[in-house]
């Protein structure tokens, strides 16, 4: 269902699917396929990019879709609870 998702994500995020958790997407946000994911290409909000330096932290609000690419060694932590 749509419950528990950020309102902006419904539709264009292509969440879930065969063999995927409800909170993952098959879309490659750096190179989206307009044939397989036309809603993402047309409706996804523009990317917000940032580069974190040693000691920086990035907070992503609960249930917000995001994509992270590490440019160097890094540590990530997720906490999921209901």
PDB file of N, CA and C in Angstrom:
ATOM      1  N   UNK A   1       0.798  -1.178   0.000  1.00  0.00           N
ATOM      2  CA  UNK A   1       0.000   0.000   0.000  1.00  0.00           C
ATOM      3  C   UNK A   1       0.847   1.249   0.000  1.00  0.00           C
ATOM      4  N   UNK A   2       0.184   2.374  -0.043  1.00  0.00           N
ATOM      5  CA  UNK A   2       0.855   3.667  -0.080  1.00  0.00           C
ATOM      6  C   UNK A   2       1.168   4.176   1.319  1.00  0.00           C
ATOM      7  N   UNK A   3       0.644   3.535   2.341  1.00  0.00           N
ATOM      8  CA  UNK A   3       0.807   3.997   3.707  1.00  0.00           C
ATOM      9  C   UNK A   3       2.275   3.990   4.141  1.00  0.00           C
ATOM     10  N   UNK A   4       2.707   5.031   4.809  1.00  0.00           N
ATOM     11  CA  UNK A   4       4.050   5.085   5.352  1.00  0.00           C
ATOM     12  C   UNK A   4       5.090   5.634   4.400  1.00  0.00           C
ATOM     13  N   UNK A   5       4.699   6.041   3.213  1.00  0.00           N
ATOM     14  CA  UNK A   5       5.654   6.607   2.271  1.00  0.00           C
ATOM     15  C   UNK A   5       5.540   8.114   2.265  1.00  0.00           C
ATOM     16  N   UNK A   6       6.655   8.782   1.994  1.00  0.00           N
ATOM     17  CA  UNK A   6       6.607  10.234   1.857  1.00  0.00           C
ATOM     18  C   UNK A   6       5.685  10.567   0.693  1.00  0.00           C
ATOM     19  N   UNK A   7       4.822  11.567   0.819  1.00  0.00           N
ATOM     20  CA  UNK A   7       3.830  11.852  -0.220  1.00  0.00           C
ATOM     21  C   UNK A   7       4.441  12.110  -1.597  1.00  0.00           C
ATOM     22  N   UNK A   8       5.631  12.679  -1.673  1.00  0.00           N
ATOM     23  CA  UNK A   8       6.248  12.959  -2.965  1.00  0.00           C
ATOM     24  C   UNK A   8       6.667  11.684  -3.688  1.00  0.00           C
ATOM     25  N   UNK A   9       6.829  10.595  -2.974  1.00  0.00           N
ATOM     26  CA  UNK A   9       7.396   9.398  -3.585  1.00  0.00           C
ATOM     27  C   UNK A   9       6.384   8.505  -4.270  1.00  0.00           C
ATOM     28  N   UNK A  10       5.140   8.662  -3.997  1.00  0.00           N
ATOM     29  CA  UNK A  10       4.138   7.742  -4.537  1.00  0.00           C
ATOM     30  C   UNK A  10       4.148   7.805  -6.065  1.00  0.00           C
ATOM     31  N   UNK A  11       4.261   6.640  -6.687  1.00  0.00           N
ATOM     32  CA  UNK A  11       4.222   6.559  -8.141  1.00  0.00           C
ATOM     33  C   UNK A  11       5.597   6.542  -8.773  1.00  0.00           C
ATOM     34  N   UNK A  12       6.268   7.655  -8.768  1.00  0.00           N
ATOM     35  CA  UNK A  12       7.535   7.755  -9.504  1.00  0.00           C
ATOM     36  C   UNK A  12       8.679   6.955  -8.916  1.00  0.00           C
ATOM     37  N   UNK A  13       8.575   6.500  -7.684  1.00  0.00           N
ATOM     38  CA  UNK A  13       9.696   5.797  -7.048  1.00  0.00           C
ATOM     39  C   UNK A  13       9.782   4.325  -7.435  1.00  0.00           C
ATOM     40  N   UNK A  14       8.696   3.748  -7.971  1.00  0.00           N
ATOM     41  CA  UNK A  14       8.687   2.332  -8.359  1.00  0.00           C
ATOM     42  C   UNK A  14       9.182   1.459  -7.204  1.00  0.00           C
ATOM     43  N   UNK A  15       8.582   1.647  -6.054  1.00  0.00           N
ATOM     44  CA  UNK A  15       8.988   0.918  -4.844  1.00  0.00           C
ATOM     45  C   UNK A  15       8.549  -0.532  -4.890  1.00  0.00           C
ATOM     46  N   UNK A  16       9.344  -1.357  -4.237  1.00  0.00           N
ATOM     47  CA  UNK A  16       9.008  -2.765  -4.112  1.00  0.00           C
ATOM     48  C   UNK A  16       9.186  -3.513  -5.422  1.00  0.00           C
ATOM     49  N   UNK A  17       8.396  -4.509  -5.601  1.00  0.00           N
ATOM     50  CA  UNK A  17       8.481  -5.329  -6.806  1.00  0.00           C
ATOM     51  C   UNK A  17       9.031  -6.705  -6.468  1.00  0.00           C
ATOM     52  N   UNK A  18       9.070  -7.574  -7.440  1.00  0.00           N
ATOM     53  CA  UNK A  18       9.529  -8.953  -7.199  1.00  0.00           C
ATOM     54  C   UNK A  18      10.942  -9.001  -6.613  1.00  0.00           C
ATOM     55  N   UNK A  19      11.074  -9.667  -5.480  1.00  0.00           N
ATOM     56  CA  UNK A  19      12.367  -9.824  -4.836  1.00  0.00           C
ATOM     57  C   UNK A  19      12.908  -8.575  -4.163  1.00  0.00           C
ATOM     58  N   UNK A  20      12.107  -7.527  -4.040  1.00  0.00           N
ATOM     59  CA  UNK A  20      12.570  -6.269  -3.429  1.00  0.00           C
ATOM     60  C   UNK A  20      11.730  -5.932  -2.201  1.00  0.00           C
ATOM     61  N   UNK A  21      12.355  -5.247  -1.269  1.00  0.00           N
ATOM     62  CA  UNK A  21      11.618  -4.755  -0.111  1.00  0.00           C
ATOM     63  C   UNK A  21      10.782  -3.555  -0.535  1.00  0.00           C
ATOM     64  N   UNK A  22       9.763  -3.229   0.246  1.00  0.00           N
ATOM     65  CA  UNK A  22       8.878  -2.112  -0.073  1.00  0.00           C
ATOM     66  C   UNK A  22       9.607  -0.775  -0.080  1.00  0.00           C
ATOM     67  N   UNK A  23      10.753  -0.709   0.580  1.00  0.00           N
ATOM     68  CA  UNK A  23      11.469   0.563   0.702  1.00  0.00           C
ATOM     69  C   UNK A  23      12.704   0.624  -0.201  1.00  0.00           C
ATOM     70  N   UNK A  24      12.703  -0.152  -1.281  1.00  0.00           N
ATOM     71  CA  UNK A  24      13.773  -0.090  -2.266  1.00  0.00           C
ATOM     72  C   UNK A  24      13.171   0.137  -3.647  1.00  0.00           C
ATOM     73  N   UNK A  25      13.986   0.617  -4.554  1.00  0.00           N
ATOM     74  CA  UNK A  25      13.523   0.917  -5.898  1.00  0.00           C
ATOM     75  C   UNK A  25      14.505   0.355  -6.917  1.00  0.00           C
ATOM     76  N   UNK A  26      13.982  -0.069  -8.071  1.00  0.00           N
ATOM     77  CA  UNK A  26      14.823  -0.582  -9.149  1.00  0.00           C
ATOM     78  C   UNK A  26      15.370   0.545 -10.030  1.00  0.00           C
ATOM     79  N   UNK A  27      14.952   1.775  -9.790  1.00  0.00           N
ATOM     80  CA  UNK A  27      15.387   2.907 -10.603  1.00  0.00           C
ATOM     81  C   UNK A  27      16.847   3.241 -10.297  1.00  0.00           C
ATOM     82  N   UNK A  28      17.631   3.450 -11.340  1.00  0.00           N
ATOM     83  CA  UNK A  28      18.988   3.977 -11.184  1.00  0.00           C
ATOM     84  C   UNK A  28      18.876   5.496 -11.311  1.00  0.00           C
ATOM     85  N   UNK A  29      18.905   6.238 -10.197  1.00  0.00           N
ATOM     86  CA  UNK A  29      18.661   7.677 -10.264  1.00  0.00           C
ATOM     87  C   UNK A  29      19.751   8.453 -11.017  1.00  0.00           C
ATOM     88  N   UNK A  30      20.923   7.861 -11.176  1.00  0.00           N
ATOM     89  CA  UNK A  30      21.979   8.545 -11.925  1.00  0.00           C
ATOM     90  C   UNK A  30      21.858   8.319 -13.426  1.00  0.00           C
ATOM     91  N   UNK A  31      21.100   7.298 -13.825  1.00  0.00           N
ATOM     92  CA  UNK A  31      20.909   6.988 -15.235  1.00  0.00           C
ATOM     93  C   UNK A  31      19.555   6.298 -15.415  1.00  0.00           C
ATOM     94  N   UNK A  32      18.459   7.025 -15.178  1.00  0.00           N
ATOM     95  CA  UNK A  32      17.144   6.387 -15.245  1.00  0.00           C
ATOM     96  C   UNK A  32      16.773   5.962 -16.667  1.00  0.00           C
ATOM     97  N   UNK A  33      16.082   4.840 -16.765  1.00  0.00           N
ATOM     98  CA  UNK A  33      15.635   4.309 -18.051  1.00  0.00           C
ATOM     99  C   UNK A  33      14.221   4.831 -18.323  1.00  0.00           C
ATOM    100  N   UNK A  34      14.059   5.734 -19.291  1.00  0.00           N
ATOM    101  CA  UNK A  34      12.731   6.312 -19.536  1.00  0.00           C
ATOM    102  C   UNK A  34      11.710   5.299 -20.043  1.00  0.00           C
ATOM    103  N   UNK A  35      12.167   4.183 -20.592  1.00  0.00           N
ATOM    104  CA  UNK A  35      11.239   3.153 -21.059  1.00  0.00           C
ATOM    105  C   UNK A  35      10.695   2.352 -19.883  1.00  0.00           C
ATOM    106  N   UNK A  36      11.582   1.966 -18.958  1.00  0.00           N
ATOM    107  CA  UNK A  36      11.161   1.158 -17.807  1.00  0.00           C
ATOM    108  C   UNK A  36      10.562   1.998 -16.689  1.00  0.00           C
ATOM    109  N   UNK A  37      10.995   3.244 -16.546  1.00  0.00           N
ATOM    110  CA  UNK A  37      10.568   4.087 -15.417  1.00  0.00           C
ATOM    111  C   UNK A  37      10.172   5.494 -15.889  1.00  0.00           C
ATOM    112  N   UNK A  38       9.164   5.585 -16.750  1.00  0.00           N
ATOM    113  CA  UNK A  38       8.793   6.904 -17.284  1.00  0.00           C
ATOM    114  C   UNK A  38       8.322   7.897 -16.225  1.00  0.00           C
ATOM    115  N   UNK A  39       7.644   7.422 -15.178  1.00  0.00           N
ATOM    116  CA  UNK A  39       7.193   8.348 -14.133  1.00  0.00           C
ATOM    117  C   UNK A  39       8.368   8.974 -13.401  1.00  0.00           C
ATOM    118  N   UNK A  40       9.415   8.212 -13.187  1.00  0.00           N
ATOM    119  CA  UNK A  40      10.595   8.770 -12.524  1.00  0.00           C
ATOM    120  C   UNK A  40      11.182   9.898 -13.365  1.00  0.00           C
ATOM    121  N   UNK A  41      11.314   9.647 -14.658  1.00  0.00           N
ATOM    122  CA  UNK A  41      11.897  10.645 -15.556  1.00  0.00           C
ATOM    123  C   UNK A  41      11.040  11.911 -15.590  1.00  0.00           C
ATOM    124  N   UNK A  42       9.720  11.755 -15.586  1.00  0.00           N
ATOM    125  CA  UNK A  42       8.811  12.903 -15.709  1.00  0.00           C
ATOM    126  C   UNK A  42       8.503  13.586 -14.384  1.00  0.00           C
ATOM    127  N   UNK A  43       8.408  12.824 -13.272  1.00  0.00           N
ATOM    128  CA  UNK A  43       7.823  13.372 -12.052  1.00  0.00           C
ATOM    129  C   UNK A  43       8.744  13.465 -10.843  1.00  0.00           C
ATOM    130  N   UNK A  44       9.882  12.800 -10.858  1.00  0.00           N
ATOM    131  CA  UNK A  44      10.760  12.854  -9.683  1.00  0.00           C
ATOM    132  C   UNK A  44      11.268  14.281  -9.488  1.00  0.00           C
ATOM    133  N   UNK A  45      11.328  14.727  -8.243  1.00  0.00           N
ATOM    134  CA  UNK A  45      11.856  16.076  -8.006  1.00  0.00           C
ATOM    135  C   UNK A  45      13.337  16.129  -8.376  1.00  0.00           C
ATOM    136  N   UNK A  46      13.856  17.314  -8.642  1.00  0.00           N
ATOM    137  CA  UNK A  46      15.273  17.416  -8.993  1.00  0.00           C
ATOM    138  C   UNK A  46      16.163  16.957  -7.835  1.00  0.00           C
ATOM    139  N   UNK A  47      17.297  16.396  -8.193  1.00  0.00           N
ATOM    140  CA  UNK A  47      18.236  15.913  -7.180  1.00  0.00           C
ATOM    141  C   UNK A  47      18.825  17.074  -6.394  1.00  0.00           C
ATOM    142  N   UNK A  48      19.102  16.805  -5.137  1.00  0.00           N
ATOM    143  CA  UNK A  48      19.847  17.728  -4.286  1.00  0.00           C
ATOM    144  C   UNK A  48      21.172  17.042  -4.013  1.00  0.00           C
ATOM    145  N   UNK A  49      22.256  17.647  -4.409  1.00  0.00           N
ATOM    146  CA  UNK A  49      23.564  17.024  -4.253  1.00  0.00           C
ATOM    147  C   UNK A  49      24.384  17.762  -3.204  1.00  0.00           C
ATOM    148  N   UNK A  50      25.197  16.988  -2.497  1.00  0.00           N
ATOM    149  CA  UNK A  50      26.114  17.586  -1.531  1.00  0.00           C
ATOM    150  C   UNK A  50      27.326  16.674  -1.384  1.00  0.00           C
ATOM    151  N   UNK A  51      28.417  17.230  -0.961  1.00  0.00           N
ATOM    152  CA  UNK A  51      29.617  16.463  -0.652  1.00  0.00           C
ATOM    153  C   UNK A  51      29.928  16.676   0.815  1.00  0.00           C
ATOM    154  N   UNK A  52      30.000  15.572   1.549  1.00  0.00           N
ATOM    155  CA  UNK A  52      30.301  15.643   2.975  1.00  0.00           C
ATOM    156  C   UNK A  52      31.797  15.507   3.172  1.00  0.00           C
ATOM    157  N   UNK A  53      32.305  16.237   4.147  1.00  0.00           N
ATOM    158  CA  UNK A  53      33.722  16.163   4.491  1.00  0.00           C
ATOM    159  C   UNK A  53      33.863  15.379   5.791  1.00  0.00           C
ATOM    160  N   UNK A  54      35.069  14.940   6.107  1.00  0.00           N
ATOM    161  CA  UNK A  54      35.267  14.202   7.368  1.00  0.00           C
ATOM    162  C   UNK A  54      34.640  14.941   8.548  1.00  0.00           C
ATOM    163  N   UNK A  55      33.877  14.197   9.331  1.00  0.00           N
ATOM    164  CA  UNK A  55      33.202  14.776  10.496  1.00  0.00           C
ATOM    165  C   UNK A  55      31.797  15.276  10.204  1.00  0.00           C
ATOM    166  N   UNK A  56      31.430  15.419   8.926  1.00  0.00           N
ATOM    167  CA  UNK A  56      30.084  15.869   8.567  1.00  0.00           C
ATOM    168  C   UNK A  56      29.090  14.727   8.733  1.00  0.00           C
ATOM    169  N   UNK A  57      27.849  15.099   8.889  1.00  0.00           N
ATOM    170  CA  UNK A  57      26.767  14.131   8.985  1.00  0.00           C
ATOM    171  C   UNK A  57      25.608  14.643   8.140  1.00  0.00           C
ATOM    172  N   UNK A  58      24.897  13.741   7.518  1.00  0.00           N
ATOM    173  CA  UNK A  58      23.734  14.099   6.722  1.00  0.00           C
ATOM    174  C   UNK A  58      22.525  13.405   7.326  1.00  0.00           C
ATOM    175  N   UNK A  59      21.549  14.185   7.708  1.00  0.00           N
ATOM    176  CA  UNK A  59      20.302  13.642   8.248  1.00  0.00           C
ATOM    177  C   UNK A  59      19.282  13.584   7.121  1.00  0.00           C
ATOM    178  N   UNK A  60      18.679  12.422   6.927  1.00  0.00           N
ATOM    179  CA  UNK A  60      17.619  12.248   5.941  1.00  0.00           C
ATOM    180  C   UNK A  60      16.349  11.912   6.712  1.00  0.00           C
ATOM    181  N   UNK A  61      15.311  12.726   6.568  1.00  0.00           N
ATOM    182  CA  UNK A  61      14.071  12.475   7.318  1.00  0.00           C
ATOM    183  C   UNK A  61      13.504  11.081   7.056  1.00  0.00           C
ATOM    184  N   UNK A  62      12.791  10.585   8.016  1.00  0.00           N
ATOM    185  CA  UNK A  62      12.176   9.263   7.935  1.00  0.00           C
ATOM    186  C   UNK A  62      11.338   9.116   6.668  1.00  0.00           C
ATOM    187  N   UNK A  63      11.542   8.001   5.985  1.00  0.00           N
ATOM    188  CA  UNK A  63      10.768   7.599   4.816  1.00  0.00           C
ATOM    189  C   UNK A  63      10.999   8.460   3.581  1.00  0.00           C
ATOM    190  N   UNK A  64      12.020   9.283   3.559  1.00  0.00           N
ATOM    191  CA  UNK A  64      12.353  10.059   2.366  1.00  0.00           C
ATOM    192  C   UNK A  64      13.242   9.215   1.479  1.00  0.00           C
ATOM    193  N   UNK A  65      12.920   9.153   0.195  1.00  0.00           N
ATOM    194  CA  UNK A  65      13.730   8.424  -0.761  1.00  0.00           C
ATOM    195  C   UNK A  65      15.036   9.156  -0.965  1.00  0.00           C
ATOM    196  N   UNK A  66      16.131   8.380  -1.045  1.00  0.00           N
ATOM    197  CA  UNK A  66      17.448   8.991  -1.236  1.00  0.00           C
ATOM    198  C   UNK A  66      18.382   8.009  -1.936  1.00  0.00           C
ATOM    199  N   UNK A  67      19.403   8.556  -2.512  1.00  0.00           N
ATOM    200  CA  UNK A  67      20.436   7.777  -3.193  1.00  0.00           C
ATOM    201  C   UNK A  67      21.775   8.351  -2.739  1.00  0.00           C
ATOM    202  N   UNK A  68      22.692   7.467  -2.388  1.00  0.00           N
ATOM    203  CA  UNK A  68      23.999   7.911  -1.888  1.00  0.00           C
ATOM    204  C   UNK A  68      25.085   7.232  -2.705  1.00  0.00           C
ATOM    205  N   UNK A  69      26.061   8.003  -3.107  1.00  0.00           N
ATOM    206  CA  UNK A  69      27.250   7.451  -3.769  1.00  0.00           C
ATOM    207  C   UNK A  69      28.457   7.911  -2.975  1.00  0.00           C
ATOM    208  N   UNK A  70      29.239   6.961  -2.498  1.00  0.00           N
ATOM    209  CA  UNK A  70      30.442   7.284  -1.723  1.00  0.00           C
ATOM    210  C   UNK A  70      31.595   7.562  -2.678  1.00  0.00           C
ATOM    211  N   UNK A  71      32.305   8.647  -2.435  1.00  0.00           N
ATOM    212  CA  UNK A  71      33.474   8.992  -3.236  1.00  0.00           C
ATOM    213  C   UNK A  71      34.748   8.437  -2.618  1.00  0.00           C
ATOM    214  N   UNK A  72      34.650   7.989  -1.372  1.00  0.00           N
ATOM    215  CA  UNK A  72      35.788   7.453  -0.631  1.00  0.00           C
ATOM    216  C   UNK A  72      35.225   6.469   0.400  1.00  0.00           C
ATOM    217  N   UNK A  73      36.082   5.924   1.232  1.00  0.00           N
ATOM    218  CA  UNK A  73      35.609   5.034   2.299  1.00  0.00           C
ATOM    219  C   UNK A  73      34.678   5.813   3.217  1.00  0.00           C
ATOM    220  N   UNK A  74      33.632   5.142   3.651  1.00  0.00           N
ATOM    221  CA  UNK A  74      32.664   5.820   4.515  1.00  0.00           C
ATOM    222  C   UNK A  74      31.915   4.798   5.357  1.00  0.00           C
ATOM    223  N   UNK A  75      31.157   5.307   6.306  1.00  0.00           N
ATOM    224  CA  UNK A  75      30.313   4.482   7.157  1.00  0.00           C
ATOM    225  C   UNK A  75      28.903   5.047   7.088  1.00  0.00           C
ATOM    226  N   UNK A  76      27.937   4.164   6.902  1.00  0.00           N
ATOM    227  CA  UNK A  76      26.532   4.567   6.893  1.00  0.00           C
ATOM    228  C   UNK A  76      25.789   3.769   7.941  1.00  0.00           C
ATOM    229  N   UNK A  77      24.775   4.374   8.521  1.00  0.00           N
ATOM    230  CA  UNK A  77      23.952   3.676   9.513  1.00  0.00           C
ATOM    231  C   UNK A  77      22.490   3.992   9.242  1.00  0.00           C
ATOM    232  N   UNK A  78      21.683   2.957   9.231  1.00  0.00           N
ATOM    233  CA  UNK A  78      20.241   3.106   9.093  1.00  0.00           C
ATOM    234  C   UNK A  78      19.580   2.518  10.333  1.00  0.00           C
ATOM    235  N   UNK A  79      18.538   3.151  10.761  1.00  0.00           N
ATOM    236  CA  UNK A  79      17.744   2.626  11.865  1.00  0.00           C
ATOM    237  C   UNK A  79      16.306   2.601  11.397  1.00  0.00           C
ATOM    238  N   UNK A  80      15.726   1.398  11.310  1.00  0.00           N
ATOM    239  CA  UNK A  80      14.343   1.242  10.887  1.00  0.00           C
ATOM    240  C   UNK A  80      13.534   0.687  12.047  1.00  0.00           C
ATOM    241  N   UNK A  81      12.496   1.349  12.383  1.00  0.00           N
ATOM    242  CA  UNK A  81      11.564   0.803  13.353  1.00  0.00           C
ATOM    243  C   UNK A  81      10.198   1.384  13.050  1.00  0.00           C
ATOM    244  N   UNK A  82       9.200   0.740  13.590  1.00  0.00           N
ATOM    245  CA  UNK A  82       7.812   1.185  13.351  1.00  0.00           C
ATOM    246  C   UNK A  82       7.220   1.698  14.620  1.00  0.00           C
TER     247      UNK A  82
END
